[in-house]
PDB file of N, CA and C in Angstrom:
ATOM      1  N   UNK A   1      -3.478   4.868  32.901  1.00  0.00           N
ATOM      2  CA  UNK A   1      -2.475   3.845  33.095  1.00  0.00           C
ATOM      3  C   UNK A   1      -1.237   4.207  32.305  1.00  0.00           C
ATOM      4  N   UNK A   2      -0.087   3.813  32.809  1.00  0.00           N
ATOM      5  CA  UNK A   2       1.179   4.136  32.162  1.00  0.00           C
ATOM      6  C   UNK A   2       1.879   2.858  31.725  1.00  0.00           C
ATOM      7  N   UNK A   3       2.357   2.849  30.490  1.00  0.00           N
ATOM      8  CA  UNK A   3       3.178   1.763  29.976  1.00  0.00           C
ATOM      9  C   UNK A   3       4.464   2.373  29.427  1.00  0.00           C
ATOM     10  N   UNK A   4       5.459   1.536  29.202  1.00  0.00           N
ATOM     11  CA  UNK A   4       6.691   1.986  28.566  1.00  0.00           C
ATOM     12  C   UNK A   4       6.775   1.396  27.169  1.00  0.00           C
ATOM     13  N   UNK A   5       7.005   2.253  26.185  1.00  0.00           N
ATOM     14  CA  UNK A   5       7.248   1.800  24.822  1.00  0.00           C
ATOM     15  C   UNK A   5       8.652   2.252  24.469  1.00  0.00           C
ATOM     16  N   UNK A   6       9.529   1.284  24.223  1.00  0.00           N
ATOM     17  CA  UNK A   6      10.942   1.562  23.955  1.00  0.00           C
ATOM     18  C   UNK A   6      11.522   2.497  25.028  1.00  0.00           C
ATOM     19  N   UNK A   7      11.234   2.154  26.278  1.00  0.00           N
ATOM     20  CA  UNK A   7      11.746   2.859  27.467  1.00  0.00           C
ATOM     21  C   UNK A   7      11.196   4.271  27.658  1.00  0.00           C
ATOM     22  N   UNK A   8      10.140   4.642  26.930  1.00  0.00           N
ATOM     23  CA  UNK A   8       9.524   5.959  27.110  1.00  0.00           C
ATOM     24  C   UNK A   8       8.107   5.780  27.641  1.00  0.00           C
ATOM     25  N   UNK A   9       7.725   6.541  28.676  1.00  0.00           N
ATOM     26  CA  UNK A   9       6.381   6.397  29.237  1.00  0.00           C
ATOM     27  C   UNK A   9       5.298   6.903  28.286  1.00  0.00           C
ATOM     28  N   UNK A  10       4.206   6.151  28.227  1.00  0.00           N
ATOM     29  CA  UNK A  10       3.031   6.521  27.438  1.00  0.00           C
ATOM     30  C   UNK A  10       1.799   6.298  28.296  1.00  0.00           C
ATOM     31  N   UNK A  11       0.879   7.244  28.236  1.00  0.00           N
ATOM     32  CA  UNK A  11      -0.371   7.147  28.981  1.00  0.00           C
ATOM     33  C   UNK A  11      -1.455   6.541  28.087  1.00  0.00           C
ATOM     34  N   UNK A  12      -2.197   5.607  28.637  1.00  0.00           N
ATOM     35  CA  UNK A  12      -3.346   5.000  27.953  1.00  0.00           C
ATOM     36  C   UNK A  12      -4.579   5.193  28.820  1.00  0.00           C
ATOM     37  N   UNK A  13      -5.715   5.444  28.173  1.00  0.00           N
ATOM     38  CA  UNK A  13      -6.977   5.576  28.905  1.00  0.00           C
ATOM     39  C   UNK A  13      -7.497   4.237  29.398  1.00  0.00           C
ATOM     40  N   UNK A  14      -7.166   3.169  28.647  1.00  0.00           N
ATOM     41  CA  UNK A  14      -7.634   1.829  28.985  1.00  0.00           C
ATOM     42  C   UNK A  14      -6.696   0.806  28.372  1.00  0.00           C
ATOM     43  N   UNK A  15      -6.751  -0.439  28.843  1.00  0.00           N
ATOM     44  CA  UNK A  15      -5.912  -1.469  28.243  1.00  0.00           C
ATOM     45  C   UNK A  15      -6.213  -1.600  26.746  1.00  0.00           C
ATOM     46  N   UNK A  16      -5.177  -1.854  25.967  1.00  0.00           N
ATOM     47  CA  UNK A  16      -5.373  -2.073  24.531  1.00  0.00           C
ATOM     48  C   UNK A  16      -4.351  -3.083  24.033  1.00  0.00           C
ATOM     49  N   UNK A  17      -4.578  -3.560  22.821  1.00  0.00           N
ATOM     50  CA  UNK A  17      -3.738  -4.612  22.254  1.00  0.00           C
ATOM     51  C   UNK A  17      -2.463  -4.050  21.639  1.00  0.00           C
ATOM     52  N   UNK A  18      -1.501  -4.926  21.466  1.00  0.00           N
ATOM     53  CA  UNK A  18      -0.262  -4.572  20.774  1.00  0.00           C
ATOM     54  C   UNK A  18      -0.588  -4.098  19.358  1.00  0.00           C
ATOM     55  N   UNK A  19      -1.534  -4.746  18.695  1.00  0.00           N
ATOM     56  CA  UNK A  19      -1.913  -4.350  17.330  1.00  0.00           C
ATOM     57  C   UNK A  19      -2.369  -2.899  17.284  1.00  0.00           C
ATOM     58  N   UNK A  20      -3.178  -2.486  18.231  1.00  0.00           N
ATOM     59  CA  UNK A  20      -3.662  -1.100  18.270  1.00  0.00           C
ATOM     60  C   UNK A  20      -2.505  -0.142  18.529  1.00  0.00           C
ATOM     61  N   UNK A  21      -1.616  -0.484  19.442  1.00  0.00           N
ATOM     62  CA  UNK A  21      -0.479   0.383  19.727  1.00  0.00           C
ATOM     63  C   UNK A  21       0.439   0.533  18.517  1.00  0.00           C
ATOM     64  N   UNK A  22       0.672  -0.546  17.796  1.00  0.00           N
ATOM     65  CA  UNK A  22       1.500  -0.452  16.597  1.00  0.00           C
ATOM     66  C   UNK A  22       0.858   0.476  15.571  1.00  0.00           C
ATOM     67  N   UNK A  23      -0.449   0.343  15.413  1.00  0.00           N
ATOM     68  CA  UNK A  23      -1.172   1.213  14.475  1.00  0.00           C
ATOM     69  C   UNK A  23      -1.059   2.678  14.900  1.00  0.00           C
ATOM     70  N   UNK A  24      -1.242   2.948  16.181  1.00  0.00           N
ATOM     71  CA  UNK A  24      -1.148   4.324  16.691  1.00  0.00           C
ATOM     72  C   UNK A  24       0.237   4.925  16.498  1.00  0.00           C
ATOM     73  N   UNK A  25       1.256   4.092  16.530  1.00  0.00           N
ATOM     74  CA  UNK A  25       2.626   4.575  16.404  1.00  0.00           C
ATOM     75  C   UNK A  25       3.163   4.471  14.977  1.00  0.00           C
ATOM     76  N   UNK A  26       2.294   4.112  14.039  1.00  0.00           N
ATOM     77  CA  UNK A  26       2.679   4.090  12.637  1.00  0.00           C
ATOM     78  C   UNK A  26       3.619   2.966  12.256  1.00  0.00           C
ATOM     79  N   UNK A  27       3.686   1.930  13.058  1.00  0.00           N
ATOM     80  CA  UNK A  27       4.550   0.789  12.752  1.00  0.00           C
ATOM     81  C   UNK A  27       3.754  -0.274  12.009  1.00  0.00           C
ATOM     82  N   UNK A  28       4.297  -0.735  10.908  1.00  0.00           N
ATOM     83  CA  UNK A  28       3.652  -1.824  10.164  1.00  0.00           C
ATOM     84  C   UNK A  28       3.977  -3.139  10.857  1.00  0.00           C
ATOM     85  N   UNK A  29       2.946  -3.906  11.158  1.00  0.00           N
ATOM     86  CA  UNK A  29       3.112  -5.140  11.922  1.00  0.00           C
ATOM     87  C   UNK A  29       4.117  -6.091  11.289  1.00  0.00           C
ATOM     88  N   UNK A  30       4.187  -6.153   9.978  1.00  0.00           N
ATOM     89  CA  UNK A  30       5.098  -7.078   9.307  1.00  0.00           C
ATOM     90  C   UNK A  30       6.525  -6.586   9.234  1.00  0.00           C
ATOM     91  N   UNK A  31       6.771  -5.351   9.658  1.00  0.00           N
ATOM     92  CA  UNK A  31       8.115  -4.797   9.509  1.00  0.00           C
ATOM     93  C   UNK A  31       8.835  -4.577  10.838  1.00  0.00           C
ATOM     94  N   UNK A  32       8.282  -5.065  11.926  1.00  0.00           N
ATOM     95  CA  UNK A  32       8.899  -4.891  13.242  1.00  0.00           C
ATOM     96  C   UNK A  32       8.858  -6.191  14.030  1.00  0.00           C
ATOM     97  N   UNK A  33       9.717  -6.258  15.042  1.00  0.00           N
ATOM     98  CA  UNK A  33       9.660  -7.333  16.031  1.00  0.00           C
ATOM     99  C   UNK A  33       9.195  -6.694  17.337  1.00  0.00           C
ATOM    100  N   UNK A  34       8.432  -7.447  18.122  1.00  0.00           N
ATOM    101  CA  UNK A  34       7.836  -6.893  19.334  1.00  0.00           C
ATOM    102  C   UNK A  34       8.104  -7.812  20.525  1.00  0.00           C
ATOM    103  N   UNK A  35       8.455  -7.181  21.658  1.00  0.00           N
ATOM    104  CA  UNK A  35       8.565  -7.901  22.931  1.00  0.00           C
ATOM    105  C   UNK A  35       7.661  -7.217  23.940  1.00  0.00           C
ATOM    106  N   UNK A  36       6.841  -8.000  24.605  1.00  0.00           N
ATOM    107  CA  UNK A  36       5.935  -7.524  25.653  1.00  0.00           C
ATOM    108  C   UNK A  36       6.453  -8.078  26.973  1.00  0.00           C
ATOM    109  N   UNK A  37       6.817  -7.174  27.873  1.00  0.00           N
ATOM    110  CA  UNK A  37       7.398  -7.594  29.158  1.00  0.00           C
ATOM    111  C   UNK A  37       8.550  -8.583  28.958  1.00  0.00           C
ATOM    112  N   UNK A  38       9.419  -8.244  27.992  1.00  0.00           N
ATOM    113  CA  UNK A  38      10.639  -8.980  27.668  1.00  0.00           C
ATOM    114  C   UNK A  38      10.397 -10.347  27.037  1.00  0.00           C
ATOM    115  N   UNK A  39       9.181 -10.607  26.572  1.00  0.00           N
ATOM    116  CA  UNK A  39       8.874 -11.869  25.894  1.00  0.00           C
ATOM    117  C   UNK A  39       8.473 -11.577  24.452  1.00  0.00           C
ATOM    118  N   UNK A  40       9.102 -12.281  23.485  1.00  0.00           N
ATOM    119  CA  UNK A  40       8.764 -12.107  22.084  1.00  0.00           C
ATOM    120  C   UNK A  40       7.278 -12.359  21.857  1.00  0.00           C
ATOM    121  N   UNK A  41       6.663 -11.536  21.012  1.00  0.00           N
ATOM    122  CA  UNK A  41       5.253 -11.702  20.649  1.00  0.00           C
ATOM    123  C   UNK A  41       5.193 -11.972  19.151  1.00  0.00           C
ATOM    124  N   UNK A  42       4.598 -13.086  18.757  1.00  0.00           N
ATOM    125  CA  UNK A  42       4.451 -13.383  17.327  1.00  0.00           C
ATOM    126  C   UNK A  42       3.349 -12.500  16.743  1.00  0.00           C
ATOM    127  N   UNK A  43       3.452 -12.216  15.454  1.00  0.00           N
ATOM    128  CA  UNK A  43       2.446 -11.371  14.793  1.00  0.00           C
ATOM    129  C   UNK A  43       1.039 -11.924  14.975  1.00  0.00           C
ATOM    130  N   UNK A  44       0.916 -13.234  15.015  1.00  0.00           N
ATOM    131  CA  UNK A  44      -0.403 -13.854  15.178  1.00  0.00           C
ATOM    132  C   UNK A  44      -1.043 -13.482  16.519  1.00  0.00           C
ATOM    133  N   UNK A  45      -0.230 -13.054  17.481  1.00  0.00           N
ATOM    134  CA  UNK A  45      -0.748 -12.726  18.817  1.00  0.00           C
ATOM    135  C   UNK A  45      -0.833 -11.237  19.104  1.00  0.00           C
ATOM    136  N   UNK A  46      -0.534 -10.375  18.136  1.00  0.00           N
ATOM    137  CA  UNK A  46      -0.587  -8.929  18.368  1.00  0.00           C
ATOM    138  C   UNK A  46      -1.979  -8.477  18.823  1.00  0.00           C
ATOM    139  N   UNK A  47      -3.023  -9.014  18.211  1.00  0.00           N
ATOM    140  CA  UNK A  47      -4.392  -8.576  18.536  1.00  0.00           C
ATOM    141  C   UNK A  47      -4.864  -9.088  19.895  1.00  0.00           C
ATOM    142  N   UNK A  48      -4.266 -10.169  20.380  1.00  0.00           N
ATOM    143  CA  UNK A  48      -4.737 -10.752  21.642  1.00  0.00           C
ATOM    144  C   UNK A  48      -3.805 -10.467  22.817  1.00  0.00           C
ATOM    145  N   UNK A  49      -2.671  -9.823  22.558  1.00  0.00           N
ATOM    146  CA  UNK A  49      -1.762  -9.440  23.634  1.00  0.00           C
ATOM    147  C   UNK A  49      -2.173  -8.056  24.113  1.00  0.00           C
ATOM    148  N   UNK A  50      -2.686  -7.995  25.330  1.00  0.00           N
ATOM    149  CA  UNK A  50      -3.263  -6.766  25.877  1.00  0.00           C
ATOM    150  C   UNK A  50      -2.292  -6.124  26.869  1.00  0.00           C
ATOM    151  N   UNK A  51      -2.056  -4.847  26.654  1.00  0.00           N
ATOM    152  CA  UNK A  51      -1.176  -4.074  27.537  1.00  0.00           C
ATOM    153  C   UNK A  51      -1.940  -3.656  28.789  1.00  0.00           C
ATOM    154  N   UNK A  52      -1.275  -3.780  29.936  1.00  0.00           N
ATOM    155  CA  UNK A  52      -1.840  -3.394  31.227  1.00  0.00           C
ATOM    156  C   UNK A  52      -0.926  -2.358  31.882  1.00  0.00           C
ATOM    157  N   UNK A  53      -1.406  -1.699  32.906  1.00  0.00           N
ATOM    158  CA  UNK A  53      -0.626  -0.690  33.619  1.00  0.00           C
ATOM    159  C   UNK A  53       0.724  -1.263  34.049  1.00  0.00           C
ATOM    160  N   UNK A  54       1.808  -0.536  33.747  1.00  0.00           N
ATOM    161  CA  UNK A  54       3.149  -0.946  34.142  1.00  0.00           C
ATOM    162  C   UNK A  54       3.855  -1.859  33.160  1.00  0.00           C
ATOM    163  N   UNK A  55       3.172  -2.298  32.113  1.00  0.00           N
ATOM    164  CA  UNK A  55       3.788  -3.185  31.124  1.00  0.00           C
ATOM    165  C   UNK A  55       4.837  -2.451  30.301  1.00  0.00           C
ATOM    166  N   UNK A  56       5.729  -3.239  29.685  1.00  0.00           N
ATOM    167  CA  UNK A  56       6.720  -2.690  28.774  1.00  0.00           C
ATOM    168  C   UNK A  56       6.532  -3.290  27.391  1.00  0.00           C
ATOM    169  N   UNK A  57       6.801  -2.478  26.382  1.00  0.00           N
ATOM    170  CA  UNK A  57       6.727  -2.926  25.002  1.00  0.00           C
ATOM    171  C   UNK A  57       7.968  -2.428  24.278  1.00  0.00           C
ATOM    172  N   UNK A  58       8.668  -3.350  23.640  1.00  0.00           N
ATOM    173  CA  UNK A  58       9.811  -2.979  22.815  1.00  0.00           C
ATOM    174  C   UNK A  58       9.439  -3.243  21.372  1.00  0.00           C
ATOM    175  N   UNK A  59       9.602  -2.233  20.543  1.00  0.00           N
ATOM    176  CA  UNK A  59       9.317  -2.337  19.110  1.00  0.00           C
ATOM    177  C   UNK A  59      10.642  -2.116  18.392  1.00  0.00           C
ATOM    178  N   UNK A  60      11.073  -3.130  17.652  1.00  0.00           N
ATOM    179  CA  UNK A  60      12.381  -3.086  17.008  1.00  0.00           C
ATOM    180  C   UNK A  60      12.219  -3.315  15.517  1.00  0.00           C
ATOM    181  N   UNK A  61      12.792  -2.410  14.721  1.00  0.00           N
ATOM    182  CA  UNK A  61      12.810  -2.575  13.268  1.00  0.00           C
ATOM    183  C   UNK A  61      14.113  -3.287  12.894  1.00  0.00           C
ATOM    184  N   UNK A  62      14.034  -4.328  12.075  1.00  0.00           N
ATOM    185  CA  UNK A  62      15.250  -5.047  11.671  1.00  0.00           C
ATOM    186  C   UNK A  62      16.196  -4.136  10.896  1.00  0.00           C
ATOM    187  N   UNK A  63      17.482  -4.362  11.067  1.00  0.00           N
ATOM    188  CA  UNK A  63      18.513  -3.586  10.366  1.00  0.00           C
ATOM    189  C   UNK A  63      19.074  -4.439   9.239  1.00  0.00           C
ATOM    190  N   UNK A  64      19.433  -3.787   8.144  1.00  0.00           N
ATOM    191  CA  UNK A  64      20.076  -4.483   7.033  1.00  0.00           C
ATOM    192  C   UNK A  64      21.516  -4.020   6.921  1.00  0.00           C
ATOM    193  N   UNK A  65      22.294  -4.814   6.277  1.00  0.00           N
ATOM    194  CA  UNK A  65      23.679  -4.425   6.058  1.00  0.00           C
ATOM    195  C   UNK A  65      24.623  -5.349   6.787  1.00  0.00           C
ATOM    196  N   UNK A  66      25.875  -4.971   6.797  1.00  0.00           N
ATOM    197  CA  UNK A  66      26.801  -5.873   7.430  1.00  0.00           C
ATOM    198  C   UNK A  66      28.071  -5.274   7.838  1.00  0.00           C
TER     199      UNK A  66
END
């Protein structure tokens, strides 16, 4: 199955959670914001939000400064 993470295609053997994908990509759950299919996902739902074929995931790290 193919999903898009930050507009780049990624192949998965099976559906998996946002939490697992963040771990695989080295992103700390508390240091990023996540949107699944253009909908914000709260940290409390990372483990229960399951990626399916064709889904999109945006992982954004907050910026500091001004």
